[in-house]
PDB file of all heavy atoms in Angstrom:
ATOM      1  N   PRO A   1       2.832 -10.479  -5.220  1.00  0.00           N
ATOM      2  CA  PRO A   1       2.752 -11.801  -5.819  1.00  0.00           C
ATOM      3  C   PRO A   1       2.007 -12.833  -4.977  1.00  0.00           C
ATOM      4  O   PRO A   1       1.390 -13.795  -5.560  1.00  0.00           O
ATOM      5  CB  PRO A   1       4.250 -12.199  -5.919  1.00  0.00           C
ATOM      6  CG  PRO A   1       4.974 -10.897  -5.980  1.00  0.00           C
ATOM      7  CD  PRO A   1       4.176 -10.010  -5.056  1.00  0.00           C
ATOM      8  N   HIS A   2       1.933 -12.602  -3.680  1.00  0.00           N
ATOM      9  CA  HIS A   2       1.228 -13.562  -2.829  1.00  0.00           C
ATOM     10  C   HIS A   2      -0.311 -13.316  -2.818  1.00  0.00           C
ATOM     11  O   HIS A   2      -1.085 -14.207  -2.421  1.00  0.00           O
ATOM     12  CB  HIS A   2       1.701 -13.464  -1.393  1.00  0.00           C
ATOM     13  CG  HIS A   2       3.197 -13.733  -1.279  1.00  0.00           C
ATOM     14  ND1 HIS A   2       3.756 -14.949  -1.531  1.00  0.00           N
ATOM     15  CD2 HIS A   2       4.235 -12.936  -0.962  1.00  0.00           C
ATOM     16  CE1 HIS A   2       5.040 -14.871  -1.383  1.00  0.00           C
ATOM     17  NE2 HIS A   2       5.366 -13.675  -0.978  1.00  0.00           N
ATOM     18  N   LEU A   3      -0.749 -12.110  -3.217  1.00  0.00           N
ATOM     19  CA  LEU A   3      -2.160 -11.832  -3.259  1.00  0.00           C
ATOM     20  C   LEU A   3      -2.886 -12.669  -4.274  1.00  0.00           C
ATOM     21  O   LEU A   3      -4.040 -13.101  -4.049  1.00  0.00           O
ATOM     22  CB  LEU A   3      -2.370 -10.312  -3.556  1.00  0.00           C
ATOM     23  CG  LEU A   3      -1.891  -9.314  -2.495  1.00  0.00           C
ATOM     24  CD1 LEU A   3      -2.043  -7.912  -3.006  1.00  0.00           C
ATOM     25  CD2 LEU A   3      -2.663  -9.501  -1.201  1.00  0.00           C
ATOM     26  N   SER A   4      -2.236 -12.916  -5.414  1.00  0.00           N
ATOM     27  CA  SER A   4      -2.935 -13.650  -6.476  1.00  0.00           C
ATOM     28  C   SER A   4      -3.113 -15.121  -6.121  1.00  0.00           C
ATOM     29  O   SER A   4      -3.817 -15.861  -6.858  1.00  0.00           O
ATOM     30  CB  SER A   4      -2.125 -13.491  -7.783  1.00  0.00           C
ATOM     31  OG  SER A   4      -0.812 -13.975  -7.590  1.00  0.00           O
ATOM     32  N   THR A   5      -2.506 -15.603  -5.037  1.00  0.00           N
ATOM     33  CA  THR A   5      -2.671 -17.008  -4.697  1.00  0.00           C
ATOM     34  C   THR A   5      -3.893 -17.223  -3.839  1.00  0.00           C
ATOM     35  O   THR A   5      -4.244 -18.362  -3.505  1.00  0.00           O
ATOM     36  CB  THR A   5      -1.422 -17.487  -3.837  1.00  0.00           C
ATOM     37  OG1 THR A   5      -1.346 -16.737  -2.604  1.00  0.00           O
ATOM     38  CG2 THR A   5      -0.138 -17.284  -4.623  1.00  0.00           C
ATOM     39  N   HIS A   6      -4.589 -16.147  -3.498  1.00  0.00           N
ATOM     40  CA  HIS A   6      -5.806 -16.209  -2.669  1.00  0.00           C
ATOM     41  C   HIS A   6      -6.991 -15.775  -3.527  1.00  0.00           C
ATOM     42  O   HIS A   6      -6.875 -14.923  -4.417  1.00  0.00           O
ATOM     43  CB  HIS A   6      -5.699 -15.321  -1.450  1.00  0.00           C
ATOM     44  CG  HIS A   6      -4.620 -15.741  -0.520  1.00  0.00           C
ATOM     45  ND1 HIS A   6      -4.741 -16.767   0.374  1.00  0.00           N
ATOM     46  CD2 HIS A   6      -3.347 -15.275  -0.351  1.00  0.00           C
ATOM     47  CE1 HIS A   6      -3.625 -16.932   1.089  1.00  0.00           C
ATOM     48  NE2 HIS A   6      -2.739 -16.009   0.657  1.00  0.00           N
ATOM     49  N   ALA A   7      -8.155 -16.345  -3.232  1.00  0.00           N
ATOM     50  CA  ALA A   7      -9.368 -15.936  -3.949  1.00  0.00           C
ATOM     51  C   ALA A   7     -10.012 -14.784  -3.221  1.00  0.00           C
ATOM     52  O   ALA A   7     -11.112 -14.877  -2.633  1.00  0.00           O
ATOM     53  CB  ALA A   7     -10.359 -17.128  -3.996  1.00  0.00           C
ATOM     54  N   LEU A   8      -9.336 -13.653  -3.207  1.00  0.00           N
ATOM     55  CA  LEU A   8      -9.789 -12.489  -2.450  1.00  0.00           C
ATOM     56  C   LEU A   8     -11.054 -11.864  -3.070  1.00  0.00           C
ATOM     57  O   LEU A   8     -11.148 -11.725  -4.299  1.00  0.00           O
ATOM     58  CB  LEU A   8      -8.693 -11.407  -2.412  1.00  0.00           C
ATOM     59  CG  LEU A   8      -7.439 -11.720  -1.620  1.00  0.00           C
ATOM     60  CD1 LEU A   8      -6.451 -10.585  -1.771  1.00  0.00           C
ATOM     61  CD2 LEU A   8      -7.781 -11.922  -0.149  1.00  0.00           C
ATOM     62  N   LEU A   9     -11.937 -11.505  -2.187  1.00  0.00           N
ATOM     63  CA  LEU A   9     -13.131 -10.765  -2.607  1.00  0.00           C
ATOM     64  C   LEU A   9     -12.986  -9.256  -2.296  1.00  0.00           C
ATOM     65  O   LEU A   9     -13.570  -8.423  -2.930  1.00  0.00           O
ATOM     66  CB  LEU A   9     -14.390 -11.283  -1.900  1.00  0.00           C
ATOM     67  CG  LEU A   9     -14.717 -12.749  -2.126  1.00  0.00           C
ATOM     68  CD1 LEU A   9     -15.916 -13.146  -1.260  1.00  0.00           C
ATOM     69  CD2 LEU A   9     -14.958 -13.046  -3.578  1.00  0.00           C
ATOM     70  N   ASP A  10     -12.189  -8.952  -1.242  1.00  0.00           N
ATOM     71  CA  ASP A  10     -12.059  -7.588  -0.780  1.00  0.00           C
ATOM     72  C   ASP A  10     -10.591  -7.304  -0.486  1.00  0.00           C
ATOM     73  O   ASP A  10      -9.985  -8.042   0.290  1.00  0.00           O
ATOM     74  CB  ASP A  10     -12.934  -7.422   0.513  1.00  0.00           C
ATOM     75  CG  ASP A  10     -12.941  -5.948   1.002  1.00  0.00           C
ATOM     76  OD1 ASP A  10     -12.291  -5.085   0.420  1.00  0.00           O
ATOM     77  OD2 ASP A  10     -13.603  -5.702   1.979  1.00  0.00           O
ATOM     78  N   LEU A  11     -10.058  -6.268  -1.099  1.00  0.00           N
ATOM     79  CA  LEU A  11      -8.693  -5.879  -0.846  1.00  0.00           C
ATOM     80  C   LEU A  11      -8.600  -4.339  -0.636  1.00  0.00           C
ATOM     81  O   LEU A  11      -9.153  -3.563  -1.397  1.00  0.00           O
ATOM     82  CB  LEU A  11      -7.812  -6.217  -2.075  1.00  0.00           C
ATOM     83  CG  LEU A  11      -6.331  -5.774  -2.016  1.00  0.00           C
ATOM     84  CD1 LEU A  11      -5.632  -6.422  -0.831  1.00  0.00           C
ATOM     85  CD2 LEU A  11      -5.627  -6.097  -3.338  1.00  0.00           C
ATOM     86  N   SER A  12      -7.979  -3.964   0.465  1.00  0.00           N
ATOM     87  CA  SER A  12      -7.816  -2.541   0.821  1.00  0.00           C
ATOM     88  C   SER A  12      -6.369  -2.225   1.117  1.00  0.00           C
ATOM     89  O   SER A  12      -5.776  -2.842   1.981  1.00  0.00           O
ATOM     90  CB  SER A  12      -8.709  -2.243   2.037  1.00  0.00           C
ATOM     91  OG  SER A  12      -8.464  -0.866   2.457  1.00  0.00           O
ATOM     92  N   LEU A  13      -5.840  -1.233   0.395  1.00  0.00           N
ATOM     93  CA  LEU A  13      -4.572  -0.648   0.634  1.00  0.00           C
ATOM     94  C   LEU A  13      -4.642   0.859   0.819  1.00  0.00           C
ATOM     95  O   LEU A  13      -3.728   1.565   0.571  1.00  0.00           O
ATOM     96  CB  LEU A  13      -3.557  -0.962  -0.506  1.00  0.00           C
ATOM     97  CG  LEU A  13      -3.109  -2.447  -0.614  1.00  0.00           C
ATOM     98  CD1 LEU A  13      -4.056  -3.237  -1.483  1.00  0.00           C
ATOM     99  CD2 LEU A  13      -1.741  -2.525  -1.200  1.00  0.00           C
ATOM    100  N   ALA A  14      -5.804   1.309   1.281  1.00  0.00           N
ATOM    101  CA  ALA A  14      -6.074   2.783   1.349  1.00  0.00           C
ATOM    102  C   ALA A  14      -5.179   3.426   2.387  1.00  0.00           C
ATOM    103  O   ALA A  14      -4.712   2.824   3.338  1.00  0.00           O
ATOM    104  CB  ALA A  14      -7.537   2.984   1.714  1.00  0.00           C
ATOM    105  N   ARG A  15      -4.921   4.708   2.143  1.00  0.00           N
ATOM    106  CA  ARG A  15      -4.134   5.576   2.990  1.00  0.00           C
ATOM    107  C   ARG A  15      -2.709   5.081   3.192  1.00  0.00           C
ATOM    108  O   ARG A  15      -2.173   5.063   4.270  1.00  0.00           O
ATOM    109  CB  ARG A  15      -4.849   5.788   4.324  1.00  0.00           C
ATOM    110  CG  ARG A  15      -4.381   7.054   5.004  1.00  0.00           C
ATOM    111  CD  ARG A  15      -5.236   7.416   6.191  1.00  0.00           C
ATOM    112  NE  ARG A  15      -4.743   8.660   6.791  1.00  0.00           N
ATOM    113  CZ  ARG A  15      -5.300   9.281   7.839  1.00  0.00           C
ATOM    114  NH1 ARG A  15      -6.377   8.787   8.353  1.00  0.00           N
ATOM    115  NH2 ARG A  15      -4.752  10.356   8.336  1.00  0.00           N
ATOM    116  N   ASN A  16      -2.111   4.679   2.098  1.00  0.00           N
ATOM    117  CA  ASN A  16      -0.699   4.348   2.090  1.00  0.00           C
ATOM    118  C   ASN A  16      -0.079   5.182   0.947  1.00  0.00           C
ATOM    119  O   ASN A  16       0.120   4.673  -0.157  1.00  0.00           O
ATOM    120  CB  ASN A  16      -0.492   2.825   1.837  1.00  0.00           C
ATOM    121  CG  ASN A  16      -0.901   1.951   3.019  1.00  0.00           C
ATOM    122  OD1 ASN A  16      -0.183   1.945   4.014  1.00  0.00           O
ATOM    123  ND2 ASN A  16      -2.024   1.323   2.914  1.00  0.00           N
ATOM    124  N   ARG A  17       0.252   6.400   1.246  1.00  0.00           N
ATOM    125  CA  ARG A  17       0.735   7.289   0.192  1.00  0.00           C
ATOM    126  C   ARG A  17       2.168   6.957  -0.268  1.00  0.00           C
ATOM    127  O   ARG A  17       2.628   7.505  -1.298  1.00  0.00           O
ATOM    128  CB  ARG A  17       0.654   8.758   0.663  1.00  0.00           C
ATOM    129  CG  ARG A  17      -0.779   9.211   0.929  1.00  0.00           C
ATOM    130  CD  ARG A  17      -0.837  10.725   1.049  1.00  0.00           C
ATOM    131  NE  ARG A  17      -0.429  11.432  -0.171  1.00  0.00           N
ATOM    132  CZ  ARG A  17      -1.217  11.571  -1.229  1.00  0.00           C
ATOM    133  NH1 ARG A  17      -2.446  11.101  -1.280  1.00  0.00           N
ATOM    134  NH2 ARG A  17      -0.754  12.219  -2.294  1.00  0.00           N
ATOM    135  N   GLY A  18       2.805   6.051   0.380  1.00  0.00           N
ATOM    136  CA  GLY A  18       4.103   5.598  -0.078  1.00  0.00           C
ATOM    137  C   GLY A  18       4.052   4.679  -1.264  1.00  0.00           C
ATOM    138  O   GLY A  18       5.075   4.342  -1.865  1.00  0.00           O
ATOM    139  N   ILE A  19       2.855   4.216  -1.606  1.00  0.00           N
ATOM    140  CA  ILE A  19       2.678   3.250  -2.708  1.00  0.00           C
ATOM    141  C   ILE A  19       3.026   3.988  -4.035  1.00  0.00           C
ATOM    142  O   ILE A  19       3.857   3.516  -4.797  1.00  0.00           O
ATOM    143  CB  ILE A  19       1.318   2.673  -2.720  1.00  0.00           C
ATOM    144  CG1 ILE A  19       1.084   1.776  -1.475  1.00  0.00           C
ATOM    145  CG2 ILE A  19       1.054   1.899  -4.013  1.00  0.00           C
ATOM    146  CD1 ILE A  19      -0.326   1.158  -1.389  1.00  0.00           C
ATOM    147  N   GLY A  20       2.353   5.047  -4.310  1.00  0.00           N
ATOM    148  CA  GLY A  20       2.620   5.856  -5.532  1.00  0.00           C
ATOM    149  C   GLY A  20       2.453   5.091  -6.823  1.00  0.00           C
ATOM    150  O   GLY A  20       1.843   3.980  -6.877  1.00  0.00           O
ATOM    151  N   VAL A  21       2.951   5.683  -7.885  1.00  0.00           N
ATOM    152  CA  VAL A  21       2.781   5.099  -9.211  1.00  0.00           C
ATOM    153  C   VAL A  21       3.501   3.752  -9.330  1.00  0.00           C
ATOM    154  O   VAL A  21       2.929   2.800  -9.837  1.00  0.00           O
ATOM    155  CB  VAL A  21       3.307   6.109 -10.275  1.00  0.00           C
ATOM    156  CG1 VAL A  21       3.243   5.463 -11.681  1.00  0.00           C
ATOM    157  CG2 VAL A  21       2.600   7.411 -10.242  1.00  0.00           C
ATOM    158  N   ALA A  22       4.719   3.671  -8.832  1.00  0.00           N
ATOM    159  CA  ALA A  22       5.505   2.434  -8.948  1.00  0.00           C
ATOM    160  C   ALA A  22       4.845   1.312  -8.188  1.00  0.00           C
ATOM    161  O   ALA A  22       4.857   0.147  -8.635  1.00  0.00           O
ATOM    162  CB  ALA A  22       6.900   2.656  -8.441  1.00  0.00           C
ATOM    163  N   GLY A  23       4.303   1.621  -7.017  1.00  0.00           N
ATOM    164  CA  GLY A  23       3.631   0.591  -6.212  1.00  0.00           C
ATOM    165  C   GLY A  23       2.362   0.059  -6.925  1.00  0.00           C
ATOM    166  O   GLY A  23       2.108  -1.148  -6.929  1.00  0.00           O
ATOM    167  N   ILE A  24       1.580   0.975  -7.521  1.00  0.00           N
ATOM    168  CA  ILE A  24       0.386   0.526  -8.243  1.00  0.00           C
ATOM    169  C   ILE A  24       0.788  -0.325  -9.433  1.00  0.00           C
ATOM    170  O   ILE A  24       0.094  -1.323  -9.757  1.00  0.00           O
ATOM    171  CB  ILE A  24      -0.449   1.761  -8.697  1.00  0.00           C
ATOM    172  CG1 ILE A  24      -1.010   2.523  -7.490  1.00  0.00           C
ATOM    173  CG2 ILE A  24      -1.570   1.362  -9.640  1.00  0.00           C
ATOM    174  CD1 ILE A  24      -1.979   1.736  -6.667  1.00  0.00           C
ATOM    175  N   ALA A  25       1.832   0.038 -10.123  1.00  0.00           N
ATOM    176  CA  ALA A  25       2.296  -0.720 -11.304  1.00  0.00           C
ATOM    177  C   ALA A  25       2.723  -2.116 -10.873  1.00  0.00           C
ATOM    178  O   ALA A  25       2.575  -3.075 -11.603  1.00  0.00           O
ATOM    179  CB  ALA A  25       3.454   0.018 -11.984  1.00  0.00           C
ATOM    180  N   ALA A  26       3.304  -2.257  -9.648  1.00  0.00           N
ATOM    181  CA  ALA A  26       3.702  -3.550  -9.134  1.00  0.00           C
ATOM    182  C   ALA A  26       2.500  -4.368  -8.694  1.00  0.00           C
ATOM    183  O   ALA A  26       2.490  -5.610  -8.807  1.00  0.00           O
ATOM    184  CB  ALA A  26       4.675  -3.363  -8.012  1.00  0.00           C
ATOM    185  N   LEU A  27       1.490  -3.726  -8.154  1.00  0.00           N
ATOM    186  CA  LEU A  27       0.339  -4.418  -7.657  1.00  0.00           C
ATOM    187  C   LEU A  27      -0.606  -4.880  -8.746  1.00  0.00           C
ATOM    188  O   LEU A  27      -1.145  -6.014  -8.692  1.00  0.00           O
ATOM    189  CB  LEU A  27      -0.462  -3.460  -6.697  1.00  0.00           C
ATOM    190  CG  LEU A  27      -1.835  -3.899  -6.256  1.00  0.00           C
ATOM    191  CD1 LEU A  27      -1.723  -5.096  -5.290  1.00  0.00           C
ATOM    192  CD2 LEU A  27      -2.604  -2.731  -5.596  1.00  0.00           C
ATOM    193  N   ALA A  28      -0.841  -4.074  -9.734  1.00  0.00           N
ATOM    194  CA  ALA A  28      -1.901  -4.323 -10.753  1.00  0.00           C
ATOM    195  C   ALA A  28      -1.841  -5.693 -11.393  1.00  0.00           C
ATOM    196  O   ALA A  28      -2.897  -6.366 -11.479  1.00  0.00           O
ATOM    197  CB  ALA A  28      -1.862  -3.215 -11.792  1.00  0.00           C
ATOM    198  N   PRO A  29      -0.700  -6.173 -11.863  1.00  0.00           N
ATOM    199  CA  PRO A  29      -0.696  -7.511 -12.523  1.00  0.00           C
ATOM    200  C   PRO A  29      -1.042  -8.696 -11.599  1.00  0.00           C
ATOM    201  O   PRO A  29      -1.360  -9.779 -12.083  1.00  0.00           O
ATOM    202  CB  PRO A  29       0.752  -7.642 -13.014  1.00  0.00           C
ATOM    203  CG  PRO A  29       1.306  -6.247 -13.043  1.00  0.00           C
ATOM    204  CD  PRO A  29       0.635  -5.569 -11.888  1.00  0.00           C
ATOM    205  N   HIS A  30      -0.980  -8.461 -10.301  1.00  0.00           N
ATOM    206  CA  HIS A  30      -1.226  -9.535  -9.332  1.00  0.00           C
ATOM    207  C   HIS A  30      -2.588  -9.456  -8.674  1.00  0.00           C
ATOM    208  O   HIS A  30      -2.863 -10.218  -7.713  1.00  0.00           O
ATOM    209  CB  HIS A  30      -0.121  -9.514  -8.255  1.00  0.00           C
ATOM    210  CG  HIS A  30       1.236  -9.702  -8.794  1.00  0.00           C
ATOM    211  ND1 HIS A  30       1.706 -10.920  -9.220  1.00  0.00           N
ATOM    212  CD2 HIS A  30       2.251  -8.831  -9.018  1.00  0.00           C
ATOM    213  CE1 HIS A  30       2.958 -10.814  -9.647  1.00  0.00           C
ATOM    214  NE2 HIS A  30       3.305  -9.514  -9.520  1.00  0.00           N
ATOM    215  N   LEU A  31      -3.463  -8.580  -9.118  1.00  0.00           N
ATOM    216  CA  LEU A  31      -4.800  -8.494  -8.549  1.00  0.00           C
ATOM    217  C   LEU A  31      -5.578  -9.747  -8.804  1.00  0.00           C
ATOM    218  O   LEU A  31      -5.651 -10.243  -9.961  1.00  0.00           O
ATOM    219  CB  LEU A  31      -5.546  -7.284  -9.149  1.00  0.00           C
ATOM    220  CG  LEU A  31      -5.070  -5.884  -8.751  1.00  0.00           C
ATOM    221  CD1 LEU A  31      -5.878  -4.842  -9.506  1.00  0.00           C
ATOM    222  CD2 LEU A  31      -5.235  -5.701  -7.242  1.00  0.00           C
ATOM    223  N   PRO A  32      -6.135 -10.384  -7.779  1.00  0.00           N
ATOM    224  CA  PRO A  32      -6.889 -11.601  -7.951  1.00  0.00           C
ATOM    225  C   PRO A  32      -8.081 -11.381  -8.856  1.00  0.00           C
ATOM    226  O   PRO A  32      -8.762 -10.382  -8.758  1.00  0.00           O
ATOM    227  CB  PRO A  32      -7.345 -11.941  -6.509  1.00  0.00           C
ATOM    228  CG  PRO A  32      -6.397 -11.258  -5.617  1.00  0.00           C
ATOM    229  CD  PRO A  32      -6.011 -10.009  -6.345  1.00  0.00           C
ATOM    230  N   ARG A  33      -8.349 -12.356  -9.727  1.00  0.00           N
ATOM    231  CA  ARG A  33      -9.469 -12.214 -10.645  1.00  0.00           C
ATOM    232  C   ARG A  33     -10.861 -12.312  -9.903  1.00  0.00           C
ATOM    233  O   ARG A  33     -11.852 -11.989 -10.493  1.00  0.00           O
ATOM    234  CB  ARG A  33      -9.417 -13.350 -11.687  1.00  0.00           C
ATOM    235  CG  ARG A  33      -8.126 -13.364 -12.537  1.00  0.00           C
ATOM    236  CD  ARG A  33      -8.040 -12.154 -13.410  1.00  0.00           C
ATOM    237  NE  ARG A  33      -7.249 -11.038 -12.792  1.00  0.00           N
ATOM    238  CZ  ARG A  33      -7.148  -9.870 -13.306  1.00  0.00           C
ATOM    239  NH1 ARG A  33      -7.757  -9.558 -14.389  1.00  0.00           N
ATOM    240  NH2 ARG A  33      -6.410  -8.924 -12.680  1.00  0.00           N
ATOM    241  N   THR A  34     -10.804 -12.720  -8.663  1.00  0.00           N
ATOM    242  CA  THR A  34     -11.996 -12.952  -7.911  1.00  0.00           C
ATOM    243  C   THR A  34     -12.487 -11.639  -7.203  1.00  0.00           C
ATOM    244  O   THR A  34     -13.548 -11.649  -6.566  1.00  0.00           O
ATOM    245  CB  THR A  34     -11.823 -14.030  -6.824  1.00  0.00           C
ATOM    246  OG1 THR A  34     -10.695 -13.709  -6.043  1.00  0.00           O
ATOM    247  CG2 THR A  34     -11.627 -15.387  -7.509  1.00  0.00           C
ATOM    248  N   LEU A  35     -11.692 -10.626  -7.260  1.00  0.00           N
ATOM    249  CA  LEU A  35     -12.000  -9.397  -6.487  1.00  0.00           C
ATOM    250  C   LEU A  35     -13.374  -8.819  -6.828  1.00  0.00           C
ATOM    251  O   LEU A  35     -13.731  -8.715  -8.007  1.00  0.00           O
ATOM    252  CB  LEU A  35     -10.921  -8.326  -6.760  1.00  0.00           C
ATOM    253  CG  LEU A  35      -9.701  -8.268  -5.846  1.00  0.00           C
ATOM    254  CD1 LEU A  35      -8.831  -7.094  -6.167  1.00  0.00           C
ATOM    255  CD2 LEU A  35     -10.099  -8.223  -4.369  1.00  0.00           C
ATOM    256  N   ARG A  36     -14.082  -8.392  -5.751  1.00  0.00           N
ATOM    257  CA  ARG A  36     -15.335  -7.711  -5.910  1.00  0.00           C
ATOM    258  C   ARG A  36     -15.232  -6.244  -5.453  1.00  0.00           C
ATOM    259  O   ARG A  36     -15.974  -5.396  -5.905  1.00  0.00           O
ATOM    260  CB  ARG A  36     -16.483  -8.397  -5.130  1.00  0.00           C
ATOM    261  CG  ARG A  36     -16.801  -9.801  -5.662  1.00  0.00           C
ATOM    262  CD  ARG A  36     -17.386  -9.746  -7.025  1.00  0.00           C
ATOM    263  NE  ARG A  36     -17.748 -11.060  -7.514  1.00  0.00           N
ATOM    264  CZ  ARG A  36     -16.905 -11.840  -8.237  1.00  0.00           C
ATOM    265  NH1 ARG A  36     -15.701 -11.363  -8.554  1.00  0.00           N
ATOM    266  NH2 ARG A  36     -17.262 -13.011  -8.711  1.00  0.00           N
ATOM    267  N   ARG A  37     -14.314  -6.003  -4.484  1.00  0.00           N
ATOM    268  CA  ARG A  37     -14.145  -4.648  -3.951  1.00  0.00           C
ATOM    269  C   ARG A  37     -12.633  -4.353  -3.822  1.00  0.00           C
ATOM    270  O   ARG A  37     -11.899  -5.146  -3.266  1.00  0.00           O
ATOM    271  CB  ARG A  37     -14.827  -4.572  -2.588  1.00  0.00           C
ATOM    272  CG  ARG A  37     -14.757  -3.179  -1.957  1.00  0.00           C
ATOM    273  CD  ARG A  37     -15.542  -3.163  -0.609  1.00  0.00           C
ATOM    274  NE  ARG A  37     -15.592  -1.817  -0.077  1.00  0.00           N
ATOM    275  CZ  ARG A  37     -14.676  -1.317   0.766  1.00  0.00           C
ATOM    276  NH1 ARG A  37     -13.594  -2.020   1.084  1.00  0.00           N
ATOM    277  NH2 ARG A  37     -14.819  -0.050   1.221  1.00  0.00           N
ATOM    278  N   LEU A  38     -12.271  -3.185  -4.372  1.00  0.00           N
ATOM    279  CA  LEU A  38     -10.825  -2.770  -4.297  1.00  0.00           C
ATOM    280  C   LEU A  38     -10.775  -1.327  -3.801  1.00  0.00           C
ATOM    281  O   LEU A  38     -11.337  -0.446  -4.448  1.00  0.00           O
ATOM    282  CB  LEU A  38     -10.226  -2.900  -5.681  1.00  0.00           C
ATOM    283  CG  LEU A  38      -8.760  -2.463  -5.820  1.00  0.00           C
ATOM    284  CD1 LEU A  38      -7.842  -3.236  -4.866  1.00  0.00           C
ATOM    285  CD2 LEU A  38      -8.256  -2.561  -7.273  1.00  0.00           C
ATOM    286  N   ASN A  39     -10.099  -1.131  -2.693  1.00  0.00           N
ATOM    287  CA  ASN A  39      -9.999   0.201  -2.100  1.00  0.00           C
ATOM    288  C   ASN A  39      -8.566   0.681  -2.194  1.00  0.00           C
ATOM    289  O   ASN A  39      -7.665   0.168  -1.517  1.00  0.00           O
ATOM    290  CB  ASN A  39     -10.447   0.164  -0.619  1.00  0.00           C
ATOM    291  CG  ASN A  39     -10.464   1.599  -0.030  1.00  0.00           C
ATOM    292  OD1 ASN A  39     -10.076   2.542  -0.575  1.00  0.00           O
ATOM    293  ND2 ASN A  39     -11.067   1.650   1.178  1.00  0.00           N
ATOM    294  N   LEU A  40      -8.330   1.645  -3.085  1.00  0.00           N
ATOM    295  CA  LEU A  40      -6.960   2.257  -3.237  1.00  0.00           C
ATOM    296  C   LEU A  40      -7.000   3.765  -2.994  1.00  0.00           C
ATOM    297  O   LEU A  40      -6.217   4.508  -3.581  1.00  0.00           O
ATOM    298  CB  LEU A  40      -6.467   1.948  -4.652  1.00  0.00           C
ATOM    299  CG  LEU A  40      -6.229   0.484  -5.009  1.00  0.00           C
ATOM    300  CD1 LEU A  40      -5.863   0.304  -6.461  1.00  0.00           C
ATOM    301  CD2 LEU A  40      -5.106  -0.102  -4.093  1.00  0.00           C
ATOM    302  N   CYS A  41      -7.888   4.217  -2.120  1.00  0.00           N
ATOM    303  CA  CYS A  41      -7.997   5.585  -1.844  1.00  0.00           C
ATOM    304  C   CYS A  41      -6.711   6.125  -1.187  1.00  0.00           C
ATOM    305  O   CYS A  41      -6.041   5.457  -0.391  1.00  0.00           O
ATOM    306  CB  CYS A  41      -9.150   5.884  -0.814  1.00  0.00           C
ATOM    307  SG  CYS A  41     -10.795   5.588  -1.548  1.00  0.00           S
ATOM    308  N   ASN A  42      -6.312   7.320  -1.604  1.00  0.00           N
ATOM    309  CA  ASN A  42      -5.213   8.047  -0.955  1.00  0.00           C
ATOM    310  C   ASN A  42      -3.894   7.215  -0.989  1.00  0.00           C
ATOM    311  O   ASN A  42      -3.214   7.058   0.006  1.00  0.00           O
ATOM    312  CB  ASN A  42      -5.592   8.351   0.541  1.00  0.00           C
ATOM    313  CG  ASN A  42      -4.825   9.541   1.048  1.00  0.00           C
ATOM    314  OD1 ASN A  42      -4.026  10.205   0.347  1.00  0.00           O
ATOM    315  ND2 ASN A  42      -4.972   9.820   2.338  1.00  0.00           N
TER     316      ASN A  42
END
């Protein structure tokens, strides 16, 4: 919820395998509209 308060251009949460499906579902609605690069590898 705090990510959407910033005008982020670059966000990386790569190599955090504890995130899983539930974590992605929690993250997705709060992705800043300003993002140009999103790294969710692994």
